[in-house]
Amino acid sequence: MIFFYILISTFSSGLIAVGIANWLTYNFFSKYLDSIVSISVGIFLSVAFLHLLPEAYDHLNNNANIIFITMLVSIICFVILEKVSLLRHNHHYEGDGHLHGNGHDKTEAGSGGIIILIGSSLHNFSDGIVIAASFLTYPLLGIITSLSITVHEVPHKLCDFVVLRNSGINRSKALIMILISSFCSSIGGFIGYFILHSARQFTPFALVIAASSFIYIAISDLIPQMHEHTDKKNFTSHLIELSLIFIGILFIFYLTKVSHCYHC
């Protein structure tokens, strides 16, 4: 049954994220992207610190040293992946306000489209493993992790759409390419289930790696993106962003209380 949950969650999370991103791209892209990013910050940090790390801590018999070493190694690996352009996405698109020359971002999109799809596929594959590890810990944690990944993937899929469209790929082809990339999460979930199911002692390490990735993405990717699109002289804009972050935190905090009762 857990295997079935993992496949459904990995498949549906990618499908939902792509569907929302596709709708926003051609309807209300500029209006709602910043809000999604701000909520994602709160959700990612909350899931990491309130769910994944405490679960790993319990499974490792309260051995904090192993957790911190695993987090350090994980974050260094994410930095390396970022350096070789396999983790991060190119968030620029034509007319994004970065004052580049006309056609600059379209050229960048054309040269980086394949790298973006490779990076997205690897990212989705790792998301699938994270979801598998969470479900194998206990089902409600798997659901919460799947929801947080879905929310986070919306702005990333949005940027994928924009970059691919700027590179000259039509809407239907871009949608198909991003869907295929999203299904890599199901492959990751499939492989993760059998690897972690047969070697349960590795599950807490997978949870720490997942938490590290959530923290890294929030701090190195989402927060800078959020600041970049903020009117620094507008106090209301800052207040709205902080409110959305706290909404994400409170949402996960409430689910944490529910999940603790369920887990007990």
C-alpha atoms as a PDB file:
ATOM      1  CA  MET A   1       0.000   0.000   0.000  1.00  0.00           C
ATOM      2  CA  ILE A   2       2.870   2.407   0.831  1.00  0.00           C
ATOM      3  CA  PHE A   3       4.352   1.739  -2.606  1.00  0.00           C
ATOM      4  CA  PHE A   4       1.025   2.716  -4.181  1.00  0.00           C
ATOM      5  CA  TYR A   5       0.894   5.931  -2.109  1.00  0.00           C
ATOM      6  CA  ILE A   6       4.429   6.850  -3.205  1.00  0.00           C
ATOM      7  CA  LEU A   7       3.647   6.404  -6.896  1.00  0.00           C
ATOM      8  CA  ILE A   8       0.384   8.348  -6.638  1.00  0.00           C
ATOM      9  CA  SER A   9       2.024  11.177  -4.679  1.00  0.00           C
ATOM     10  CA  THR A  10       5.039  11.540  -6.968  1.00  0.00           C
ATOM     11  CA  PHE A  11       2.885  11.373 -10.079  1.00  0.00           C
ATOM     12  CA  SER A  12       0.187  13.753  -8.840  1.00  0.00           C
ATOM     13  CA  SER A  13       2.586  16.292  -7.284  1.00  0.00           C
ATOM     14  CA  GLY A  14       4.358  16.763 -10.603  1.00  0.00           C
ATOM     15  CA  LEU A  15       1.115  16.839 -12.552  1.00  0.00           C
ATOM     16  CA  ILE A  16      -0.507  19.381 -10.225  1.00  0.00           C
ATOM     17  CA  ALA A  17       2.583  21.619 -10.200  1.00  0.00           C
ATOM     18  CA  VAL A  18       2.806  21.594 -13.997  1.00  0.00           C
ATOM     19  CA  GLY A  19      -0.930  22.238 -14.348  1.00  0.00           C
ATOM     20  CA  ILE A  20      -0.868  25.236 -11.985  1.00  0.00           C
ATOM     21  CA  ALA A  21       2.316  26.586 -13.581  1.00  0.00           C
ATOM     22  CA  ASN A  22       0.830  26.242 -17.054  1.00  0.00           C
ATOM     23  CA  TRP A  23      -2.304  28.124 -15.962  1.00  0.00           C
ATOM     24  CA  LEU A  24      -0.350  30.881 -14.244  1.00  0.00           C
ATOM     25  CA  THR A  25       2.058  31.287 -17.157  1.00  0.00           C
ATOM     26  CA  TYR A  26      -0.710  32.215 -19.532  1.00  0.00           C
ATOM     27  CA  ASN A  27      -3.001  34.006 -17.100  1.00  0.00           C
ATOM     28  CA  PHE A  28      -1.708  35.608 -13.897  1.00  0.00           C
ATOM     29  CA  PHE A  29       2.049  34.925 -13.956  1.00  0.00           C
ATOM     30  CA  SER A  30       3.347  38.208 -12.595  1.00  0.00           C
ATOM     31  CA  LYS A  31       0.514  38.599 -10.098  1.00  0.00           C
ATOM     32  CA  TYR A  32       0.826  35.368  -8.135  1.00  0.00           C
ATOM     33  CA  LEU A  33       4.387  34.083  -8.585  1.00  0.00           C
ATOM     34  CA  ASP A  34       5.836  36.207  -5.764  1.00  0.00           C
ATOM     35  CA  SER A  35       3.115  35.035  -3.382  1.00  0.00           C
ATOM     36  CA  ILE A  36       3.838  31.384  -4.192  1.00  0.00           C
ATOM     37  CA  VAL A  37       7.556  31.953  -3.620  1.00  0.00           C
ATOM     38  CA  SER A  38       6.954  33.594  -0.214  1.00  0.00           C
ATOM     39  CA  ILE A  39       4.635  30.799   0.954  1.00  0.00           C
ATOM     40  CA  SER A  40       7.172  28.239  -0.285  1.00  0.00           C
ATOM     41  CA  VAL A  41       9.850  29.768   1.952  1.00  0.00           C
ATOM     42  CA  GLY A  42       7.704  29.265   5.049  1.00  0.00           C
ATOM     43  CA  ILE A  43       6.625  25.770   4.065  1.00  0.00           C
ATOM     44  CA  PHE A  44      10.110  24.535   3.179  1.00  0.00           C
ATOM     45  CA  LEU A  45      11.782  25.806   6.341  1.00  0.00           C
ATOM     46  CA  SER A  46       8.933  24.492   8.508  1.00  0.00           C
ATOM     47  CA  VAL A  47       8.918  21.027   6.956  1.00  0.00           C
ATOM     48  CA  ALA A  48      12.704  20.804   7.363  1.00  0.00           C
ATOM     49  CA  PHE A  49      12.877  21.964  10.994  1.00  0.00           C
ATOM     50  CA  LEU A  50       9.543  20.729  12.338  1.00  0.00           C
ATOM     51  CA  HIS A  51       9.207  17.393  10.536  1.00  0.00           C
ATOM     52  CA  LEU A  52      12.179  15.930   8.704  1.00  0.00           C
ATOM     53  CA  LEU A  53      15.007  16.726  11.129  1.00  0.00           C
ATOM     54  CA  PRO A  54      13.077  15.715  14.286  1.00  0.00           C
ATOM     55  CA  GLU A  55      12.114  12.405  12.641  1.00  0.00           C
ATOM     56  CA  ALA A  56      15.721  11.739  11.628  1.00  0.00           C
ATOM     57  CA  TYR A  57      16.869  12.668  15.141  1.00  0.00           C
ATOM     58  CA  ASP A  58      14.498  10.107  16.670  1.00  0.00           C
ATOM     59  CA  HIS A  59      15.510   7.374  14.215  1.00  0.00           C
ATOM     60  CA  LEU A  60      19.228   7.979  14.854  1.00  0.00           C
ATOM     61  CA  ASN A  61      18.780   7.567  18.627  1.00  0.00           C
ATOM     62  CA  ASN A  62      19.246  11.275  19.287  1.00  0.00           C
ATOM     63  CA  ASN A  63      22.704  11.312  17.678  1.00  0.00           C
ATOM     64  CA  ALA A  64      23.017  14.968  16.691  1.00  0.00           C
ATOM     65  CA  ASN A  65      26.602  14.627  15.409  1.00  0.00           C
ATOM     66  CA  ILE A  66      25.581  12.323  12.562  1.00  0.00           C
ATOM     67  CA  ILE A  67      22.744  14.676  11.603  1.00  0.00           C
ATOM     68  CA  PHE A  68      24.962  17.762  11.459  1.00  0.00           C
ATOM     69  CA  ILE A  69      27.702  15.967   9.508  1.00  0.00           C
ATOM     70  CA  THR A  70      25.141  14.660   7.018  1.00  0.00           C
ATOM     71  CA  MET A  71      23.656  18.156   6.660  1.00  0.00           C
ATOM     72  CA  LEU A  72      27.102  19.666   6.062  1.00  0.00           C
ATOM     73  CA  VAL A  73      27.994  17.099   3.396  1.00  0.00           C
ATOM     74  CA  SER A  74      24.573  17.469   1.763  1.00  0.00           C
ATOM     75  CA  ILE A  75      24.775  21.261   1.541  1.00  0.00           C
ATOM     76  CA  ILE A  76      28.303  21.095   0.071  1.00  0.00           C
ATOM     77  CA  CYS A  77      27.009  18.631  -2.537  1.00  0.00           C
ATOM     78  CA  PHE A  78      24.162  21.004  -3.408  1.00  0.00           C
ATOM     79  CA  VAL A  79      26.696  23.812  -3.853  1.00  0.00           C
ATOM     80  CA  ILE A  80      28.686  21.592  -6.224  1.00  0.00           C
ATOM     81  CA  LEU A  81      25.545  20.722  -8.187  1.00  0.00           C
ATOM     82  CA  GLU A  82      24.708  24.403  -8.420  1.00  0.00           C
ATOM     83  CA  LYS A  83      28.184  25.147  -9.721  1.00  0.00           C
ATOM     84  CA  VAL A  84      27.759  22.697 -12.587  1.00  0.00           C
ATOM     85  CA  SER A  85      24.327  24.149 -13.397  1.00  0.00           C
ATOM     86  CA  LEU A  86      22.397  20.987 -12.618  1.00  0.00           C
ATOM     87  CA  LEU A  87      20.342  22.140  -9.651  1.00  0.00           C
ATOM     88  CA  ARG A  88      19.368  25.752 -10.115  1.00  0.00           C
ATOM     89  CA  HIS A  89      17.091  27.140 -12.786  1.00  0.00           C
ATOM     90  CA  ASN A  90      17.626  30.200 -14.912  1.00  0.00           C
ATOM     91  CA  HIS A  91      14.850  32.464 -13.635  1.00  0.00           C
ATOM     92  CA  HIS A  92      15.365  35.163 -16.243  1.00  0.00           C
ATOM     93  CA  TYR A  93      12.879  35.709 -19.026  1.00  0.00           C
ATOM     94  CA  GLU A  94      12.516  38.334 -21.716  1.00  0.00           C
ATOM     95  CA  GLY A  95      11.215  41.567 -20.232  1.00  0.00           C
ATOM     96  CA  ASP A  96      11.767  40.556 -16.609  1.00  0.00           C
ATOM     97  CA  GLY A  97      13.046  43.988 -15.611  1.00  0.00           C
ATOM     98  CA  HIS A  98      16.740  43.096 -15.326  1.00  0.00           C
ATOM     99  CA  LEU A  99      17.645  45.796 -17.885  1.00  0.00           C
ATOM    100  CA  HIS A 100      19.408  43.376 -20.201  1.00  0.00           C
ATOM    101  CA  GLY A 101      19.680  44.210 -23.890  1.00  0.00           C
ATOM    102  CA  ASN A 102      16.830  43.294 -26.185  1.00  0.00           C
ATOM    103  CA  GLY A 103      16.923  39.582 -26.913  1.00  0.00           C
ATOM    104  CA  HIS A 104      19.508  38.850 -24.197  1.00  0.00           C
ATOM    105  CA  ASP A 105      17.301  36.583 -22.117  1.00  0.00           C
ATOM    106  CA  LYS A 106      15.873  34.887 -25.166  1.00  0.00           C
ATOM    107  CA  THR A 107      19.415  33.955 -26.190  1.00  0.00           C
ATOM    108  CA  GLU A 108      20.155  32.782 -22.655  1.00  0.00           C
ATOM    109  CA  ALA A 109      16.999  30.682 -22.694  1.00  0.00           C
ATOM    110  CA  GLY A 110      17.891  29.077 -25.989  1.00  0.00           C
ATOM    111  CA  SER A 111      21.360  28.065 -24.805  1.00  0.00           C
ATOM    112  CA  GLY A 112      20.184  26.959 -21.374  1.00  0.00           C
ATOM    113  CA  GLY A 113      16.955  25.140 -22.229  1.00  0.00           C
ATOM    114  CA  ILE A 114      18.502  21.669 -22.300  1.00  0.00           C
ATOM    115  CA  ILE A 115      20.440  22.287 -19.080  1.00  0.00           C
ATOM    116  CA  ILE A 116      17.224  23.430 -17.418  1.00  0.00           C
ATOM    117  CA  LEU A 117      15.417  20.240 -18.422  1.00  0.00           C
ATOM    118  CA  ILE A 118      18.328  18.080 -17.249  1.00  0.00           C
ATOM    119  CA  GLY A 119      18.429  19.966 -13.964  1.00  0.00           C
ATOM    120  CA  SER A 120      14.667  19.689 -13.537  1.00  0.00           C
ATOM    121  CA  SER A 121      14.748  15.960 -14.224  1.00  0.00           C
ATOM    122  CA  LEU A 122      17.485  15.355 -11.654  1.00  0.00           C
ATOM    123  CA  HIS A 123      15.695  17.596  -9.183  1.00  0.00           C
ATOM    124  CA  ASN A 124      12.417  15.737  -9.697  1.00  0.00           C
ATOM    125  CA  PHE A 125      14.190  12.387  -9.363  1.00  0.00           C
ATOM    126  CA  SER A 126      15.611  13.428  -5.988  1.00  0.00           C
ATOM    127  CA  ASP A 127      12.172  14.721  -4.944  1.00  0.00           C
ATOM    128  CA  GLY A 128      10.797  11.252  -5.616  1.00  0.00           C
ATOM    129  CA  ILE A 129      13.392   9.680  -3.324  1.00  0.00           C
ATOM    130  CA  VAL A 130      12.557  12.249  -0.632  1.00  0.00           C
ATOM    131  CA  ILE A 131       8.849  11.425  -0.901  1.00  0.00           C
ATOM    132  CA  ALA A 132       9.605   7.692  -0.684  1.00  0.00           C
ATOM    133  CA  ALA A 133      11.721   8.189   2.441  1.00  0.00           C
ATOM    134  CA  SER A 134       8.980  10.269   4.043  1.00  0.00           C
ATOM    135  CA  PHE A 135       6.242   7.716   3.339  1.00  0.00           C
ATOM    136  CA  LEU A 136       8.416   4.903   4.669  1.00  0.00           C
ATOM    137  CA  THR A 137       8.817   6.884   7.904  1.00  0.00           C
ATOM    138  CA  TYR A 138       5.063   7.311   8.282  1.00  0.00           C
ATOM    139  CA  PRO A 139       2.322   8.085   5.711  1.00  0.00           C
ATOM    140  CA  LEU A 140       1.242  11.513   6.973  1.00  0.00           C
ATOM    141  CA  LEU A 141       4.837  12.776   6.764  1.00  0.00           C
ATOM    142  CA  GLY A 142       4.867  11.574   3.167  1.00  0.00           C
ATOM    143  CA  ILE A 143       1.711  13.535   2.405  1.00  0.00           C
ATOM    144  CA  ILE A 144       3.075  16.711   4.025  1.00  0.00           C
ATOM    145  CA  THR A 145       6.377  16.368   2.155  1.00  0.00           C
ATOM    146  CA  SER A 146       4.537  15.794  -1.123  1.00  0.00           C
ATOM    147  CA  LEU A 147       2.423  18.922  -0.591  1.00  0.00           C
ATOM    148  CA  SER A 148       5.456  21.066   0.223  1.00  0.00           C
ATOM    149  CA  ILE A 149       7.305  19.809  -2.853  1.00  0.00           C
ATOM    150  CA  THR A 150       4.257  20.524  -5.012  1.00  0.00           C
ATOM    151  CA  VAL A 151       4.049  24.121  -3.755  1.00  0.00           C
ATOM    152  CA  HIS A 152       7.760  24.627  -4.308  1.00  0.00           C
ATOM    153  CA  GLU A 153       7.700  23.149  -7.792  1.00  0.00           C
ATOM    154  CA  VAL A 154       5.086  25.616  -9.065  1.00  0.00           C
ATOM    155  CA  PRO A 155       7.486  28.609  -9.354  1.00  0.00           C
ATOM    156  CA  HIS A 156      10.208  26.357 -10.762  1.00  0.00           C
ATOM    157  CA  LYS A 157       7.869  24.951 -13.396  1.00  0.00           C
ATOM    158  CA  LEU A 158       6.730  28.493 -14.145  1.00  0.00           C
ATOM    159  CA  CYS A 159      10.291  29.543 -14.879  1.00  0.00           C
ATOM    160  CA  ASP A 160      10.818  26.432 -17.007  1.00  0.00           C
ATOM    161  CA  PHE A 161       7.789  27.384 -19.091  1.00  0.00           C
ATOM    162  CA  VAL A 162       8.986  30.944 -19.586  1.00  0.00           C
ATOM    163  CA  VAL A 163      12.543  29.966 -20.502  1.00  0.00           C
ATOM    164  CA  LEU A 164      11.453  27.261 -22.955  1.00  0.00           C
ATOM    165  CA  ARG A 165       8.911  29.576 -24.567  1.00  0.00           C
ATOM    166  CA  ASN A 166      11.563  32.271 -24.932  1.00  0.00           C
ATOM    167  CA  SER A 167      13.836  29.749 -26.638  1.00  0.00           C
ATOM    168  CA  GLY A 168      11.257  29.350 -29.414  1.00  0.00           C
ATOM    169  CA  ILE A 169       9.497  26.165 -28.275  1.00  0.00           C
ATOM    170  CA  ASN A 170       5.732  26.267 -28.720  1.00  0.00           C
ATOM    171  CA  ARG A 171       3.335  25.947 -25.809  1.00  0.00           C
ATOM    172  CA  SER A 172       2.237  22.330 -26.343  1.00  0.00           C
ATOM    173  CA  LYS A 173       5.784  21.049 -26.859  1.00  0.00           C
ATOM    174  CA  ALA A 174       7.047  22.917 -23.781  1.00  0.00           C
ATOM    175  CA  LEU A 175       4.195  21.395 -21.744  1.00  0.00           C
ATOM    176  CA  ILE A 176       5.073  17.872 -22.918  1.00  0.00           C
ATOM    177  CA  MET A 177       8.781  18.342 -22.191  1.00  0.00           C
ATOM    178  CA  ILE A 178       8.108  19.624 -18.671  1.00  0.00           C
ATOM    179  CA  LEU A 179       5.610  16.815 -17.994  1.00  0.00           C
ATOM    180  CA  ILE A 180       8.172  14.200 -19.031  1.00  0.00           C
ATOM    181  CA  SER A 181      10.716  15.865 -16.754  1.00  0.00           C
ATOM    182  CA  SER A 182       8.191  15.840 -13.893  1.00  0.00           C
ATOM    183  CA  PHE A 183       7.598  12.108 -14.213  1.00  0.00           C
ATOM    184  CA  CYS A 184      11.221  11.546 -13.150  1.00  0.00           C
ATOM    185  CA  SER A 185       9.921  12.009  -9.600  1.00  0.00           C
ATOM    186  CA  SER A 186       7.911   8.785 -10.004  1.00  0.00           C
ATOM    187  CA  ILE A 187      11.076   7.004 -11.117  1.00  0.00           C
ATOM    188  CA  GLY A 188      12.850   8.385  -8.050  1.00  0.00           C
ATOM    189  CA  GLY A 189       9.997   7.271  -5.821  1.00  0.00           C
ATOM    190  CA  PHE A 190      10.005   3.792  -7.387  1.00  0.00           C
ATOM    191  CA  ILE A 191      13.754   3.327  -6.914  1.00  0.00           C
ATOM    192  CA  GLY A 192      13.746   5.020  -3.508  1.00  0.00           C
ATOM    193  CA  TYR A 193      11.061   2.670  -2.212  1.00  0.00           C
ATOM    194  CA  PHE A 194      12.999  -0.497  -3.010  1.00  0.00           C
ATOM    195  CA  ILE A 195      16.362   0.873  -1.866  1.00  0.00           C
ATOM    196  CA  LEU A 196      15.064   2.309   1.416  1.00  0.00           C
ATOM    197  CA  HIS A 197      12.537  -0.474   2.033  1.00  0.00           C
ATOM    198  CA  SER A 198      15.266  -3.113   1.950  1.00  0.00           C
ATOM    199  CA  ALA A 199      17.721  -0.954   3.909  1.00  0.00           C
ATOM    200  CA  ARG A 200      15.647   0.933   6.475  1.00  0.00           C
ATOM    201  CA  GLN A 201      18.757   2.150   8.290  1.00  0.00           C
ATOM    202  CA  PHE A 202      19.333   4.600   5.438  1.00  0.00           C
ATOM    203  CA  THR A 203      15.904   6.236   5.790  1.00  0.00           C
ATOM    204  CA  PRO A 204      16.917   8.793   8.472  1.00  0.00           C
ATOM    205  CA  PHE A 205      19.885   9.856   6.339  1.00  0.00           C
ATOM    206  CA  ALA A 206      17.515  10.382   3.417  1.00  0.00           C
ATOM    207  CA  LEU A 207      15.358  12.538   5.693  1.00  0.00           C
ATOM    208  CA  VAL A 208      18.367  14.671   6.699  1.00  0.00           C
ATOM    209  CA  ILE A 209      19.378  15.081   3.055  1.00  0.00           C
ATOM    210  CA  ALA A 210      15.795  16.069   2.258  1.00  0.00           C
ATOM    211  CA  ALA A 211      15.760  18.640   5.072  1.00  0.00           C
ATOM    212  CA  SER A 212      19.106  20.009   3.886  1.00  0.00           C
ATOM    213  CA  SER A 213      17.778  20.390   0.356  1.00  0.00           C
ATOM    214  CA  PHE A 214      14.678  22.199   1.637  1.00  0.00           C
ATOM    215  CA  ILE A 215      16.787  24.604   3.710  1.00  0.00           C
ATOM    216  CA  TYR A 216      19.261  25.153   0.884  1.00  0.00           C
ATOM    217  CA  ILE A 217      16.565  25.842  -1.706  1.00  0.00           C
ATOM    218  CA  ALA A 218      14.741  28.246   0.610  1.00  0.00           C
ATOM    219  CA  ILE A 219      17.856  30.225   1.539  1.00  0.00           C
ATOM    220  CA  SER A 220      19.861  30.185  -1.695  1.00  0.00           C
ATOM    221  CA  ASP A 221      17.055  30.252  -4.251  1.00  0.00           C
ATOM    222  CA  LEU A 222      13.634  31.300  -2.993  1.00  0.00           C
ATOM    223  CA  ILE A 223      14.571  34.071  -0.536  1.00  0.00           C
ATOM    224  CA  PRO A 224      16.885  35.882  -3.020  1.00  0.00           C
ATOM    225  CA  GLN A 225      14.182  35.565  -5.664  1.00  0.00           C
ATOM    226  CA  MET A 226      11.659  36.992  -3.202  1.00  0.00           C
ATOM    227  CA  HIS A 227      13.939  39.949  -2.358  1.00  0.00           C
ATOM    228  CA  GLU A 228      14.635  40.579  -6.019  1.00  0.00           C
ATOM    229  CA  HIS A 229      10.982  41.244  -6.785  1.00  0.00           C
ATOM    230  CA  THR A 230      10.278  43.306  -3.664  1.00  0.00           C
ATOM    231  CA  ASP A 231       9.847  47.051  -3.739  1.00  0.00           C
ATOM    232  CA  LYS A 232      12.415  47.836  -1.034  1.00  0.00           C
ATOM    233  CA  LYS A 233      10.869  51.235  -0.313  1.00  0.00           C
ATOM    234  CA  ASN A 234       7.370  49.861   0.069  1.00  0.00           C
ATOM    235  CA  PHE A 235       6.725  48.793   3.679  1.00  0.00           C
ATOM    236  CA  THR A 236       3.420  47.147   2.727  1.00  0.00           C
ATOM    237  CA  SER A 237       5.188  44.918   0.224  1.00  0.00           C
ATOM    238  CA  HIS A 238       7.582  43.668   2.908  1.00  0.00           C
ATOM    239  CA  LEU A 239       4.706  43.128   5.321  1.00  0.00           C
ATOM    240  CA  ILE A 240       2.769  41.068   2.788  1.00  0.00           C
ATOM    241  CA  GLU A 241       5.794  38.889   2.060  1.00  0.00           C
ATOM    242  CA  LEU A 242       6.462  38.244   5.753  1.00  0.00           C
ATOM    243  CA  SER A 243       2.777  37.479   6.307  1.00  0.00           C
ATOM    244  CA  LEU A 244       2.826  34.902   3.510  1.00  0.00           C
ATOM    245  CA  ILE A 245       5.938  33.281   4.985  1.00  0.00           C
ATOM    246  CA  PHE A 246       4.221  33.038   8.375  1.00  0.00           C
ATOM    247  CA  ILE A 247       1.117  31.591   6.726  1.00  0.00           C
ATOM    248  CA  GLY A 248       3.291  28.819   5.285  1.00  0.00           C
ATOM    249  CA  ILE A 249       4.901  28.245   8.696  1.00  0.00           C
ATOM    250  CA  LEU A 250       1.577  28.169  10.563  1.00  0.00           C
ATOM    251  CA  PHE A 251       0.107  25.776   8.000  1.00  0.00           C
ATOM    252  CA  ILE A 252       2.935  23.299   8.552  1.00  0.00           C
ATOM    253  CA  PHE A 253       2.912  23.904  12.327  1.00  0.00           C
ATOM    254  CA  TYR A 254      -0.743  22.900  12.448  1.00  0.00           C
ATOM    255  CA  LEU A 255      -0.074  19.797  10.365  1.00  0.00           C
ATOM    256  CA  THR A 256       2.825  18.996  12.708  1.00  0.00           C
ATOM    257  CA  LYS A 257       0.475  18.823  15.682  1.00  0.00           C
ATOM    258  CA  VAL A 258      -1.883  16.584  13.741  1.00  0.00           C
ATOM    259  CA  SER A 259       0.953  14.358  12.546  1.00  0.00           C
ATOM    260  CA  HIS A 260       2.405  13.982  16.043  1.00  0.00           C
ATOM    261  CA  CYS A 261      -0.965  12.756  17.328  1.00  0.00           C
ATOM    262  CA  TYR A 262      -1.231  10.410  14.360  1.00  0.00           C
ATOM    263  CA  HIS A 263       2.337   9.120  14.784  1.00  0.00           C
ATOM    264  CA  CYS A 264       1.816   8.464  18.486  1.00  0.00           C
END
